[in-house]
Amino acid sequence: MNGDETSLSFAEDLSELRELAVPEHVVSYVAAQRYPKSWQRRHTWHGALTLVGIFMCLILLIGGVLTLARHLDEQRGRDALFLSSNHGLAAIPLVFAAIFLGQTASNAVLLRLEPRRLEFLALKFLFQETRQFKAITTRVTRWMMRRVVASSDHVRAERFFLHYVRWRVSWDRRAGLWILAFGLFLLPIDLGACAVGTAKGVEKRSVFGDVFLPWSELQSVAVGCFALGRRGPFARYELSFADGTEVDAWPKPRDADTLAGLRKLDRQLRARGIRFERGRFAHGAHAGELQWSPGCTERLHTIYPAVATGDLDALLSSTE
């Protein structure tokens, strides 16, 4: 982009427009245009407000899902020996849906502007999209531009970017709604994903189906207490079954009731002669190392004061 003190033009960017398959008569039209320099600031504000709006929607969406998941876990684990869960799969399509629908709202605002200002902002966003991750976005934008050209035969140059923005709004809206529908379909399945310990065994529910693991198939119990960087500390009580399934019986202690439930489970497992051992990391930079950080149990006592002093140490330390 270049220009003088009061105006801007895209004369230096014409090669990029040709690379994106913009029709030649539109390129020639853009080369002759000059836009008020004040519109550059409005473009910056428009982009910033769009990002803030999408970010706020994501915070509310993810916060709401996590709150609902925590409430459901508390209800399911009320009478169980333990409950562990790993929610979040449904958040992936919901996040993408929020991004697409946020972009739809942003483009819908552009359509309400006067044609010249819409044209300027559309060009700015077009260049901005293709210059970020150019290897990917250039191909995608070129494909989109060809679709726009195919659906706008003989459109006048001054109307081309109005047609382009309308096409983007329609495409983003459809994509966002389809992804949102998939995320909402997946959400109840994801919220139901958990492992519940009962007197007979472990009921494991996931997006791939439900599995019941009887205690008779339990082979070993790995106990760990670790803190990595700013994460943790975490108490890890991992159950390994004959079919290779692993279940965390106590991913995060919360209060004395949780400790009492784990102690009850501990007695039941030891009565069966199950082998207890110190847990080791299976993957990553710490693979093979013991899952036992110095001072971990002391830090857990500080975070969870409801757990009686000595109980946690006795339980987690009673391994082979």
C-alpha atoms as a PDB file:
ATOM      1  CA  MET A   1       0.000   0.000   0.000  1.00  0.00           C
ATOM      2  CA  ASN A   2       1.207   3.508  -0.789  1.00  0.00           C
ATOM      3  CA  GLY A   3      -0.162   7.063  -1.065  1.00  0.00           C
ATOM      4  CA  ASP A   4       0.393  10.632   0.060  1.00  0.00           C
ATOM      5  CA  GLU A   5      -0.319  12.435   3.352  1.00  0.00           C
ATOM      6  CA  THR A   6      -4.101  12.307   2.951  1.00  0.00           C
ATOM      7  CA  SER A   7      -4.821   9.224   0.847  1.00  0.00           C
ATOM      8  CA  LEU A   8      -3.864   5.583   0.342  1.00  0.00           C
ATOM      9  CA  SER A   9      -3.851   3.232  -2.631  1.00  0.00           C
ATOM     10  CA  PHE A  10      -3.182  -0.455  -3.324  1.00  0.00           C
ATOM     11  CA  ALA A  11      -1.146   0.146  -6.492  1.00  0.00           C
ATOM     12  CA  GLU A  12       1.862  -1.730  -5.063  1.00  0.00           C
ATOM     13  CA  ASP A  13      -0.253  -4.784  -4.220  1.00  0.00           C
ATOM     14  CA  LEU A  14      -1.723  -5.487  -7.659  1.00  0.00           C
ATOM     15  CA  SER A  15       0.487  -8.548  -8.218  1.00  0.00           C
ATOM     16  CA  GLU A  16      -1.018 -10.137  -5.110  1.00  0.00           C
ATOM     17  CA  LEU A  17      -4.531  -9.539  -6.443  1.00  0.00           C
ATOM     18  CA  ARG A  18      -3.584 -11.256  -9.713  1.00  0.00           C
ATOM     19  CA  GLU A  19      -2.066 -14.131  -7.736  1.00  0.00           C
ATOM     20  CA  LEU A  20      -5.414 -14.519  -5.959  1.00  0.00           C
ATOM     21  CA  ALA A  21      -7.232 -14.806  -9.334  1.00  0.00           C
ATOM     22  CA  VAL A  22      -8.982 -11.433  -9.050  1.00  0.00           C
ATOM     23  CA  PRO A  23     -10.297 -10.484 -12.534  1.00  0.00           C
ATOM     24  CA  GLU A  24      -8.075  -8.100 -14.499  1.00  0.00           C
ATOM     25  CA  HIS A  25     -10.746  -5.416 -14.889  1.00  0.00           C
ATOM     26  CA  VAL A  26     -11.118  -5.350 -11.084  1.00  0.00           C
ATOM     27  CA  VAL A  27      -7.321  -5.110 -10.657  1.00  0.00           C
ATOM     28  CA  SER A  28      -7.244  -2.123 -13.033  1.00  0.00           C
ATOM     29  CA  TYR A  29     -10.073  -0.502 -11.104  1.00  0.00           C
ATOM     30  CA  VAL A  30      -8.256  -0.967  -7.752  1.00  0.00           C
ATOM     31  CA  ALA A  31      -5.069   0.527  -9.253  1.00  0.00           C
ATOM     32  CA  ALA A  32      -6.905   3.773 -10.006  1.00  0.00           C
ATOM     33  CA  GLN A  33      -8.515   4.140  -6.559  1.00  0.00           C
ATOM     34  CA  ARG A  34      -7.352   6.320  -3.660  1.00  0.00           C
ATOM     35  CA  TYR A  35      -8.861   6.060  -0.197  1.00  0.00           C
ATOM     36  CA  PRO A  36      -8.856   8.458   2.793  1.00  0.00           C
ATOM     37  CA  LYS A  37      -5.998   7.723   5.150  1.00  0.00           C
ATOM     38  CA  SER A  38      -8.368   7.882   8.146  1.00  0.00           C
ATOM     39  CA  TRP A  39      -9.947   4.617   6.963  1.00  0.00           C
ATOM     40  CA  GLN A  40      -6.747   2.803   7.921  1.00  0.00           C
ATOM     41  CA  ARG A  41      -7.429   3.520  11.611  1.00  0.00           C
ATOM     42  CA  ARG A  42     -11.014   2.344  11.215  1.00  0.00           C
ATOM     43  CA  HIS A  43      -9.748  -0.899   9.712  1.00  0.00           C
ATOM     44  CA  THR A  44      -7.513  -1.399  12.756  1.00  0.00           C
ATOM     45  CA  TRP A  45     -10.396  -0.731  15.141  1.00  0.00           C
ATOM     46  CA  HIS A  46     -12.720  -3.025  13.206  1.00  0.00           C
ATOM     47  CA  GLY A  47     -10.202  -5.885  13.319  1.00  0.00           C
ATOM     48  CA  ALA A  48      -9.460  -5.339  17.004  1.00  0.00           C
ATOM     49  CA  LEU A  49     -13.148  -5.278  17.972  1.00  0.00           C
ATOM     50  CA  THR A  50     -13.769  -8.440  15.944  1.00  0.00           C
ATOM     51  CA  LEU A  51     -10.980 -10.274  17.776  1.00  0.00           C
ATOM     52  CA  VAL A  52     -12.187  -9.041  21.173  1.00  0.00           C
ATOM     53  CA  GLY A  53     -15.754 -10.113  20.350  1.00  0.00           C
ATOM     54  CA  ILE A  54     -14.678 -13.602  19.280  1.00  0.00           C
ATOM     55  CA  PHE A  55     -12.390 -13.909  22.332  1.00  0.00           C
ATOM     56  CA  MET A  56     -15.208 -12.947  24.730  1.00  0.00           C
ATOM     57  CA  CYS A  57     -17.574 -15.435  23.087  1.00  0.00           C
ATOM     58  CA  LEU A  58     -14.955 -18.164  23.478  1.00  0.00           C
ATOM     59  CA  ILE A  59     -14.458 -17.345  27.168  1.00  0.00           C
ATOM     60  CA  LEU A  60     -18.202 -17.497  27.839  1.00  0.00           C
ATOM     61  CA  LEU A  61     -18.602 -20.677  25.790  1.00  0.00           C
ATOM     62  CA  ILE A  62     -15.702 -22.585  27.326  1.00  0.00           C
ATOM     63  CA  GLY A  63     -16.492 -21.304  30.832  1.00  0.00           C
ATOM     64  CA  GLY A  64     -20.118 -22.407  30.518  1.00  0.00           C
ATOM     65  CA  VAL A  65     -19.186 -25.887  29.269  1.00  0.00           C
ATOM     66  CA  LEU A  66     -16.609 -26.382  32.043  1.00  0.00           C
ATOM     67  CA  THR A  67     -19.077 -25.240  34.710  1.00  0.00           C
ATOM     68  CA  LEU A  68     -21.720 -27.656  33.420  1.00  0.00           C
ATOM     69  CA  ALA A  69     -19.171 -30.493  33.256  1.00  0.00           C
ATOM     70  CA  ARG A  70     -18.042 -29.849  36.833  1.00  0.00           C
ATOM     71  CA  HIS A  71     -21.660 -29.854  38.069  1.00  0.00           C
ATOM     72  CA  LEU A  72     -22.429 -33.138  36.280  1.00  0.00           C
ATOM     73  CA  ASP A  73     -19.263 -34.762  37.644  1.00  0.00           C
ATOM     74  CA  GLU A  74     -20.193 -33.770  41.186  1.00  0.00           C
ATOM     75  CA  GLN A  75     -23.620 -35.357  40.764  1.00  0.00           C
ATOM     76  CA  ARG A  76     -22.250 -38.593  39.270  1.00  0.00           C
ATOM     77  CA  GLY A  77     -19.458 -38.969  41.812  1.00  0.00           C
ATOM     78  CA  ARG A  78     -21.569 -38.371  44.902  1.00  0.00           C
ATOM     79  CA  ASP A  79     -21.991 -42.095  45.790  1.00  0.00           C
ATOM     80  CA  ALA A  80     -19.069 -43.524  43.809  1.00  0.00           C
ATOM     81  CA  LEU A  81     -15.716 -44.819  45.045  1.00  0.00           C
ATOM     82  CA  PHE A  82     -14.123 -42.337  42.681  1.00  0.00           C
ATOM     83  CA  LEU A  83     -14.857 -40.416  39.517  1.00  0.00           C
ATOM     84  CA  SER A  84     -12.398 -39.172  36.935  1.00  0.00           C
ATOM     85  CA  SER A  85     -13.237 -37.320  33.753  1.00  0.00           C
ATOM     86  CA  ASN A  86     -11.500 -35.797  30.765  1.00  0.00           C
ATOM     87  CA  HIS A  87     -13.949 -33.517  28.969  1.00  0.00           C
ATOM     88  CA  GLY A  88     -13.120 -31.171  26.128  1.00  0.00           C
ATOM     89  CA  LEU A  89     -13.537 -32.971  22.802  1.00  0.00           C
ATOM     90  CA  ALA A  90     -16.764 -31.105  22.005  1.00  0.00           C
ATOM     91  CA  ALA A  91     -15.035 -27.781  22.660  1.00  0.00           C
ATOM     92  CA  ILE A  92     -12.976 -28.153  19.461  1.00  0.00           C
ATOM     93  CA  PRO A  93     -15.886 -27.826  16.983  1.00  0.00           C
ATOM     94  CA  LEU A  94     -17.593 -25.253  19.224  1.00  0.00           C
ATOM     95  CA  VAL A  95     -14.477 -23.053  19.147  1.00  0.00           C
ATOM     96  CA  PHE A  96     -14.288 -23.265  15.346  1.00  0.00           C
ATOM     97  CA  ALA A  97     -18.010 -22.510  15.105  1.00  0.00           C
ATOM     98  CA  ALA A  98     -17.526 -19.390  17.240  1.00  0.00           C
ATOM     99  CA  ILE A  99     -14.675 -18.240  14.967  1.00  0.00           C
ATOM    100  CA  PHE A 100     -16.699 -18.733  11.768  1.00  0.00           C
ATOM    101  CA  LEU A 101     -19.819 -17.083  13.187  1.00  0.00           C
ATOM    102  CA  GLY A 102     -17.739 -14.229  14.594  1.00  0.00           C
ATOM    103  CA  GLN A 103     -16.270 -13.697  11.134  1.00  0.00           C
ATOM    104  CA  THR A 104     -19.825 -13.773   9.730  1.00  0.00           C
ATOM    105  CA  ALA A 105     -20.869 -11.006  12.116  1.00  0.00           C
ATOM    106  CA  SER A 106     -17.784  -8.978  11.216  1.00  0.00           C
ATOM    107  CA  ASN A 107     -18.482  -9.241   7.484  1.00  0.00           C
ATOM    108  CA  ALA A 108     -22.159  -8.437   8.051  1.00  0.00           C
ATOM    109  CA  VAL A 109     -21.051  -5.141   9.598  1.00  0.00           C
ATOM    110  CA  LEU A 110     -19.012  -4.410   6.460  1.00  0.00           C
ATOM    111  CA  LEU A 111     -22.114  -4.869   4.303  1.00  0.00           C
ATOM    112  CA  ARG A 112     -23.778  -1.991   6.158  1.00  0.00           C
ATOM    113  CA  LEU A 113     -21.007   0.435   5.215  1.00  0.00           C
ATOM    114  CA  GLU A 114     -21.040   2.651   2.149  1.00  0.00           C
ATOM    115  CA  PRO A 115     -19.653   0.780  -0.924  1.00  0.00           C
ATOM    116  CA  ARG A 116     -16.317   2.637  -1.079  1.00  0.00           C
ATOM    117  CA  ARG A 117     -15.484   2.030   2.571  1.00  0.00           C
ATOM    118  CA  LEU A 118     -16.580  -1.604   2.280  1.00  0.00           C
ATOM    119  CA  GLU A 119     -14.298  -1.937  -0.727  1.00  0.00           C
ATOM    120  CA  PHE A 120     -11.326  -0.561   1.225  1.00  0.00           C
ATOM    121  CA  LEU A 121     -11.875  -2.771   4.274  1.00  0.00           C
ATOM    122  CA  ALA A 122     -12.490  -5.844   2.115  1.00  0.00           C
ATOM    123  CA  LEU A 123      -9.164  -5.279   0.365  1.00  0.00           C
ATOM    124  CA  LYS A 124      -7.354  -4.787   3.677  1.00  0.00           C
ATOM    125  CA  PHE A 125      -8.777  -7.977   5.175  1.00  0.00           C
ATOM    126  CA  LEU A 126      -8.067  -9.850   1.940  1.00  0.00           C
ATOM    127  CA  PHE A 127      -4.378  -8.897   2.022  1.00  0.00           C
ATOM    128  CA  GLN A 128      -4.171  -9.488   5.767  1.00  0.00           C
ATOM    129  CA  GLU A 129      -5.567 -13.021   5.466  1.00  0.00           C
ATOM    130  CA  THR A 130      -3.254 -14.046   2.631  1.00  0.00           C
ATOM    131  CA  ARG A 131      -0.076 -12.613   4.177  1.00  0.00           C
ATOM    132  CA  GLN A 132      -0.512 -14.652   7.355  1.00  0.00           C
ATOM    133  CA  PHE A 133       0.427 -18.317   6.791  1.00  0.00           C
ATOM    134  CA  LYS A 134       0.737 -17.488   3.092  1.00  0.00           C
ATOM    135  CA  ALA A 135       1.391 -21.063   1.909  1.00  0.00           C
ATOM    136  CA  ILE A 136      -2.061 -22.149   3.124  1.00  0.00           C
ATOM    137  CA  THR A 137      -4.240 -19.056   2.972  1.00  0.00           C
ATOM    138  CA  THR A 138      -3.231 -18.081  -0.571  1.00  0.00           C
ATOM    139  CA  ARG A 139      -4.529 -21.379  -1.940  1.00  0.00           C
ATOM    140  CA  VAL A 140      -7.751 -21.141   0.056  1.00  0.00           C
ATOM    141  CA  THR A 141      -8.368 -17.503  -0.931  1.00  0.00           C
ATOM    142  CA  ARG A 142      -7.635 -18.274  -4.591  1.00  0.00           C
ATOM    143  CA  TRP A 143     -10.216 -21.086  -4.507  1.00  0.00           C
ATOM    144  CA  MET A 144     -12.754 -18.766  -2.869  1.00  0.00           C
ATOM    145  CA  MET A 145     -12.061 -15.993  -5.370  1.00  0.00           C
ATOM    146  CA  ARG A 146     -12.651 -18.348  -8.299  1.00  0.00           C
ATOM    147  CA  ARG A 147     -15.991 -19.329  -6.778  1.00  0.00           C
ATOM    148  CA  VAL A 148     -16.880 -15.650  -6.413  1.00  0.00           C
ATOM    149  CA  VAL A 149     -15.893 -14.888 -10.022  1.00  0.00           C
ATOM    150  CA  ALA A 150     -17.873 -17.893 -11.294  1.00  0.00           C
ATOM    151  CA  SER A 151     -20.991 -16.659  -9.504  1.00  0.00           C
ATOM    152  CA  SER A 152     -20.596 -13.023 -10.576  1.00  0.00           C
ATOM    153  CA  ASP A 153     -20.169 -13.026 -14.351  1.00  0.00           C
ATOM    154  CA  HIS A 154     -19.891  -9.528 -15.867  1.00  0.00           C
ATOM    155  CA  VAL A 155     -20.215  -7.839 -12.450  1.00  0.00           C
ATOM    156  CA  ARG A 156     -19.009  -4.248 -12.492  1.00  0.00           C
ATOM    157  CA  ALA A 157     -15.607  -3.610 -10.926  1.00  0.00           C
ATOM    158  CA  GLU A 158     -16.981  -1.178  -8.348  1.00  0.00           C
ATOM    159  CA  ARG A 159     -19.482  -3.842  -7.220  1.00  0.00           C
ATOM    160  CA  PHE A 160     -17.046  -6.773  -7.163  1.00  0.00           C
ATOM    161  CA  PHE A 161     -15.984  -6.534  -3.507  1.00  0.00           C
ATOM    162  CA  LEU A 162     -19.574  -6.040  -2.369  1.00  0.00           C
ATOM    163  CA  HIS A 163     -20.337  -9.339  -4.059  1.00  0.00           C
ATOM    164  CA  TYR A 164     -17.198 -10.882  -2.517  1.00  0.00           C
ATOM    165  CA  VAL A 165     -18.179  -9.881   1.039  1.00  0.00           C
ATOM    166  CA  ARG A 166     -21.724 -11.177   0.543  1.00  0.00           C
ATOM    167  CA  TRP A 167     -20.307 -14.502  -0.655  1.00  0.00           C
ATOM    168  CA  ARG A 168     -18.012 -14.670   2.398  1.00  0.00           C
ATOM    169  CA  VAL A 169     -20.899 -13.953   4.763  1.00  0.00           C
ATOM    170  CA  SER A 170     -22.955 -16.725   3.194  1.00  0.00           C
ATOM    171  CA  TRP A 171     -20.059 -19.220   3.223  1.00  0.00           C
ATOM    172  CA  ASP A 172     -18.916 -18.429   6.781  1.00  0.00           C
ATOM    173  CA  ARG A 173     -22.489 -18.618   8.082  1.00  0.00           C
ATOM    174  CA  ARG A 174     -23.138 -22.031   6.540  1.00  0.00           C
ATOM    175  CA  ALA A 175     -19.798 -23.411   7.720  1.00  0.00           C
ATOM    176  CA  GLY A 176     -20.304 -22.011  11.230  1.00  0.00           C
ATOM    177  CA  LEU A 177     -23.824 -23.432  11.560  1.00  0.00           C
ATOM    178  CA  TRP A 178     -22.794 -26.896  10.344  1.00  0.00           C
ATOM    179  CA  ILE A 179     -19.836 -27.005  12.738  1.00  0.00           C
ATOM    180  CA  LEU A 180     -22.041 -25.686  15.559  1.00  0.00           C
ATOM    181  CA  ALA A 181     -24.607 -28.431  14.912  1.00  0.00           C
ATOM    182  CA  PHE A 182     -21.848 -31.065  15.062  1.00  0.00           C
ATOM    183  CA  GLY A 183     -20.473 -29.569  18.294  1.00  0.00           C
ATOM    184  CA  LEU A 184     -23.916 -29.516  19.932  1.00  0.00           C
ATOM    185  CA  PHE A 185     -24.447 -33.150  18.863  1.00  0.00           C
ATOM    186  CA  LEU A 186     -21.097 -34.098  20.396  1.00  0.00           C
ATOM    187  CA  LEU A 187     -21.543 -32.028  23.579  1.00  0.00           C
ATOM    188  CA  PRO A 188     -23.831 -34.377  25.607  1.00  0.00           C
ATOM    189  CA  ILE A 189     -21.649 -37.350  24.630  1.00  0.00           C
ATOM    190  CA  ASP A 190     -18.522 -35.493  25.727  1.00  0.00           C
ATOM    191  CA  LEU A 191     -20.089 -34.339  29.006  1.00  0.00           C
ATOM    192  CA  GLY A 192     -20.965 -37.952  29.770  1.00  0.00           C
ATOM    193  CA  ALA A 193     -17.371 -39.150  29.295  1.00  0.00           C
ATOM    194  CA  CYS A 194     -16.025 -40.294  32.661  1.00  0.00           C
ATOM    195  CA  ALA A 195     -14.845 -43.276  34.667  1.00  0.00           C
ATOM    196  CA  VAL A 196     -16.876 -44.188  37.773  1.00  0.00           C
ATOM    197  CA  GLY A 197     -15.603 -46.614  40.383  1.00  0.00           C
ATOM    198  CA  THR A 198     -18.253 -48.909  41.905  1.00  0.00           C
ATOM    199  CA  ALA A 199     -18.208 -51.914  44.213  1.00  0.00           C
ATOM    200  CA  LYS A 200     -18.097 -54.266  41.195  1.00  0.00           C
ATOM    201  CA  GLY A 201     -15.639 -52.446  38.974  1.00  0.00           C
ATOM    202  CA  VAL A 202     -15.137 -49.351  36.809  1.00  0.00           C
ATOM    203  CA  GLU A 203     -17.777 -48.017  34.436  1.00  0.00           C
ATOM    204  CA  LYS A 204     -15.925 -46.134  31.704  1.00  0.00           C
ATOM    205  CA  ARG A 205     -18.019 -43.938  29.398  1.00  0.00           C
ATOM    206  CA  SER A 206     -16.581 -42.175  26.377  1.00  0.00           C
ATOM    207  CA  VAL A 207     -17.518 -40.848  22.947  1.00  0.00           C
ATOM    208  CA  PHE A 208     -16.534 -44.258  21.571  1.00  0.00           C
ATOM    209  CA  GLY A 209     -18.935 -46.213  23.785  1.00  0.00           C
ATOM    210  CA  ASP A 210     -19.298 -47.575  27.313  1.00  0.00           C
ATOM    211  CA  VAL A 211     -17.033 -50.236  28.820  1.00  0.00           C
ATOM    212  CA  PHE A 212     -17.321 -52.088  32.136  1.00  0.00           C
ATOM    213  CA  LEU A 213     -14.039 -53.155  33.760  1.00  0.00           C
ATOM    214  CA  PRO A 214     -14.521 -55.652  36.630  1.00  0.00           C
ATOM    215  CA  TRP A 215     -12.065 -55.603  39.521  1.00  0.00           C
ATOM    216  CA  SER A 216     -11.123 -59.203  38.691  1.00  0.00           C
ATOM    217  CA  GLU A 217      -9.319 -57.898  35.562  1.00  0.00           C
ATOM    218  CA  LEU A 218      -7.266 -55.307  37.432  1.00  0.00           C
ATOM    219  CA  GLN A 219      -3.546 -56.100  37.200  1.00  0.00           C
ATOM    220  CA  SER A 220      -1.702 -53.290  38.969  1.00  0.00           C
ATOM    221  CA  VAL A 221      -2.014 -49.887  40.617  1.00  0.00           C
ATOM    222  CA  ALA A 222       0.581 -47.150  39.990  1.00  0.00           C
ATOM    223  CA  VAL A 223       0.703 -44.359  42.560  1.00  0.00           C
ATOM    224  CA  GLY A 224       2.311 -40.992  41.860  1.00  0.00           C
ATOM    225  CA  CYS A 225       2.502 -37.457  43.168  1.00  0.00           C
ATOM    226  CA  PHE A 226       4.119 -34.913  40.895  1.00  0.00           C
ATOM    227  CA  ALA A 227       4.346 -31.249  39.945  1.00  0.00           C
ATOM    228  CA  LEU A 228       5.722 -30.089  36.602  1.00  0.00           C
ATOM    229  CA  GLY A 229       6.614 -26.404  36.418  1.00  0.00           C
ATOM    230  CA  ARG A 230       3.559 -24.349  37.322  1.00  0.00           C
ATOM    231  CA  ARG A 231       1.250 -27.333  37.001  1.00  0.00           C
ATOM    232  CA  GLY A 232       0.200 -29.358  39.992  1.00  0.00           C
ATOM    233  CA  PRO A 233       0.785 -30.797  42.360  1.00  0.00           C
ATOM    234  CA  PHE A 234      -1.295 -33.785  41.272  1.00  0.00           C
ATOM    235  CA  ALA A 235      -1.904 -37.080  43.038  1.00  0.00           C
ATOM    236  CA  ARG A 236      -2.075 -39.894  40.486  1.00  0.00           C
ATOM    237  CA  TYR A 237      -3.664 -43.247  41.301  1.00  0.00           C
ATOM    238  CA  GLU A 238      -3.622 -45.178  38.019  1.00  0.00           C
ATOM    239  CA  LEU A 239      -5.432 -48.512  37.592  1.00  0.00           C
ATOM    240  CA  SER A 240      -4.146 -50.836  34.840  1.00  0.00           C
ATOM    241  CA  PHE A 241      -6.497 -53.554  33.554  1.00  0.00           C
ATOM    242  CA  ALA A 242      -5.777 -56.743  31.600  1.00  0.00           C
ATOM    243  CA  ASP A 243      -6.995 -55.319  28.284  1.00  0.00           C
ATOM    244  CA  GLY A 244      -4.532 -52.421  28.498  1.00  0.00           C
ATOM    245  CA  THR A 245      -7.050 -49.832  29.712  1.00  0.00           C
ATOM    246  CA  GLU A 246      -5.751 -47.336  32.264  1.00  0.00           C
ATOM    247  CA  VAL A 247      -7.979 -45.302  34.583  1.00  0.00           C
ATOM    248  CA  ASP A 248      -7.075 -42.456  36.961  1.00  0.00           C
ATOM    249  CA  ALA A 249      -8.879 -43.142  40.225  1.00  0.00           C
ATOM    250  CA  TRP A 250      -7.839 -39.872  41.911  1.00  0.00           C
ATOM    251  CA  PRO A 251      -6.669 -37.224  39.449  1.00  0.00           C
ATOM    252  CA  LYS A 252      -7.304 -34.265  41.798  1.00  0.00           C
ATOM    253  CA  PRO A 253      -8.102 -34.616  45.525  1.00  0.00           C
ATOM    254  CA  ARG A 254     -10.545 -31.993  46.765  1.00  0.00           C
ATOM    255  CA  ASP A 255     -11.552 -32.759  50.347  1.00  0.00           C
ATOM    256  CA  ALA A 256     -11.592 -35.338  53.131  1.00  0.00           C
ATOM    257  CA  ASP A 257     -14.558 -37.179  51.568  1.00  0.00           C
ATOM    258  CA  THR A 258     -12.528 -37.819  48.437  1.00  0.00           C
ATOM    259  CA  LEU A 259      -9.681 -39.196  50.552  1.00  0.00           C
ATOM    260  CA  ALA A 260     -12.123 -41.429  52.442  1.00  0.00           C
ATOM    261  CA  GLY A 261     -13.455 -42.835  49.165  1.00  0.00           C
ATOM    262  CA  LEU A 262      -9.944 -43.526  47.910  1.00  0.00           C
ATOM    263  CA  ARG A 263      -9.019 -45.177  51.212  1.00  0.00           C
ATOM    264  CA  LYS A 264     -12.071 -47.443  50.853  1.00  0.00           C
ATOM    265  CA  LEU A 265     -11.001 -48.323  47.316  1.00  0.00           C
ATOM    266  CA  ASP A 266      -7.447 -48.896  48.532  1.00  0.00           C
ATOM    267  CA  ARG A 267      -8.625 -51.462  51.086  1.00  0.00           C
ATOM    268  CA  GLN A 268     -10.720 -53.249  48.490  1.00  0.00           C
ATOM    269  CA  LEU A 269      -7.839 -53.505  46.024  1.00  0.00           C
ATOM    270  CA  ARG A 270      -5.240 -54.616  48.579  1.00  0.00           C
ATOM    271  CA  ALA A 271      -7.624 -57.305  49.828  1.00  0.00           C
ATOM    272  CA  ARG A 272      -7.471 -58.789  46.311  1.00  0.00           C
ATOM    273  CA  GLY A 273      -3.682 -58.934  46.399  1.00  0.00           C
ATOM    274  CA  ILE A 274      -3.260 -56.332  43.655  1.00  0.00           C
ATOM    275  CA  ARG A 275       0.316 -55.193  43.048  1.00  0.00           C
ATOM    276  CA  PHE A 276       1.002 -51.553  43.996  1.00  0.00           C
ATOM    277  CA  GLU A 277       3.972 -49.689  42.529  1.00  0.00           C
ATOM    278  CA  ARG A 278       5.333 -46.188  42.021  1.00  0.00           C
ATOM    279  CA  GLY A 279       4.048 -44.626  38.814  1.00  0.00           C
ATOM    280  CA  ARG A 280       6.368 -43.679  35.969  1.00  0.00           C
ATOM    281  CA  PHE A 281       5.818 -41.304  33.057  1.00  0.00           C
ATOM    282  CA  ALA A 282       5.146 -43.222  29.832  1.00  0.00           C
ATOM    283  CA  HIS A 283       5.599 -40.394  27.301  1.00  0.00           C
ATOM    284  CA  GLY A 284       7.254 -37.031  26.755  1.00  0.00           C
ATOM    285  CA  ALA A 285      10.471 -35.539  28.062  1.00  0.00           C
ATOM    286  CA  HIS A 286      10.046 -37.257  31.455  1.00  0.00           C
ATOM    287  CA  ALA A 287       9.397 -40.775  30.054  1.00  0.00           C
ATOM    288  CA  GLY A 288      10.632 -43.447  32.444  1.00  0.00           C
ATOM    289  CA  GLU A 289      11.002 -41.093  35.418  1.00  0.00           C
ATOM    290  CA  LEU A 290       9.132 -41.656  38.665  1.00  0.00           C
ATOM    291  CA  GLN A 291       5.913 -39.655  39.063  1.00  0.00           C
ATOM    292  CA  TRP A 292       7.054 -38.420  42.430  1.00  0.00           C
ATOM    293  CA  SER A 293       8.204 -34.843  42.912  1.00  0.00           C
ATOM    294  CA  PRO A 294      10.080 -33.805  46.080  1.00  0.00           C
ATOM    295  CA  GLY A 295       7.770 -32.146  48.584  1.00  0.00           C
ATOM    296  CA  CYS A 296       4.658 -33.010  46.548  1.00  0.00           C
ATOM    297  CA  THR A 297       2.582 -34.403  49.427  1.00  0.00           C
ATOM    298  CA  GLU A 298       3.477 -31.413  51.604  1.00  0.00           C
ATOM    299  CA  ARG A 299       2.216 -29.055  48.883  1.00  0.00           C
ATOM    300  CA  LEU A 300      -0.980 -31.087  48.554  1.00  0.00           C
ATOM    301  CA  HIS A 301      -1.605 -30.642  52.290  1.00  0.00           C
ATOM    302  CA  THR A 302      -1.296 -26.872  51.806  1.00  0.00           C
ATOM    303  CA  ILE A 303      -3.730 -26.799  48.877  1.00  0.00           C
ATOM    304  CA  TYR A 304      -6.248 -29.237  50.419  1.00  0.00           C
ATOM    305  CA  PRO A 305      -6.258 -28.454  54.168  1.00  0.00           C
ATOM    306  CA  ALA A 306      -9.361 -30.622  54.727  1.00  0.00           C
ATOM    307  CA  VAL A 307      -7.193 -33.724  54.238  1.00  0.00           C
ATOM    308  CA  ALA A 308      -5.846 -34.814  57.608  1.00  0.00           C
ATOM    309  CA  THR A 309      -2.073 -34.526  58.030  1.00  0.00           C
ATOM    310  CA  GLY A 310      -0.436 -37.922  57.638  1.00  0.00           C
ATOM    311  CA  ASP A 311      -3.353 -39.619  55.866  1.00  0.00           C
ATOM    312  CA  LEU A 312      -2.241 -38.544  52.417  1.00  0.00           C
ATOM    313  CA  ASP A 313       1.405 -39.449  53.084  1.00  0.00           C
ATOM    314  CA  ALA A 314       0.496 -42.878  54.450  1.00  0.00           C
ATOM    315  CA  LEU A 315      -1.735 -43.700  51.503  1.00  0.00           C
ATOM    316  CA  LEU A 316       0.472 -42.459  48.683  1.00  0.00           C
ATOM    317  CA  SER A 317       3.701 -43.807  50.239  1.00  0.00           C
ATOM    318  CA  SER A 318       2.449 -47.358  50.832  1.00  0.00           C
ATOM    319  CA  THR A 319       3.795 -48.736  47.549  1.00  0.00           C
ATOM    320  CA  GLU A 320       6.326 -51.388  46.670  1.00  0.00           C
END
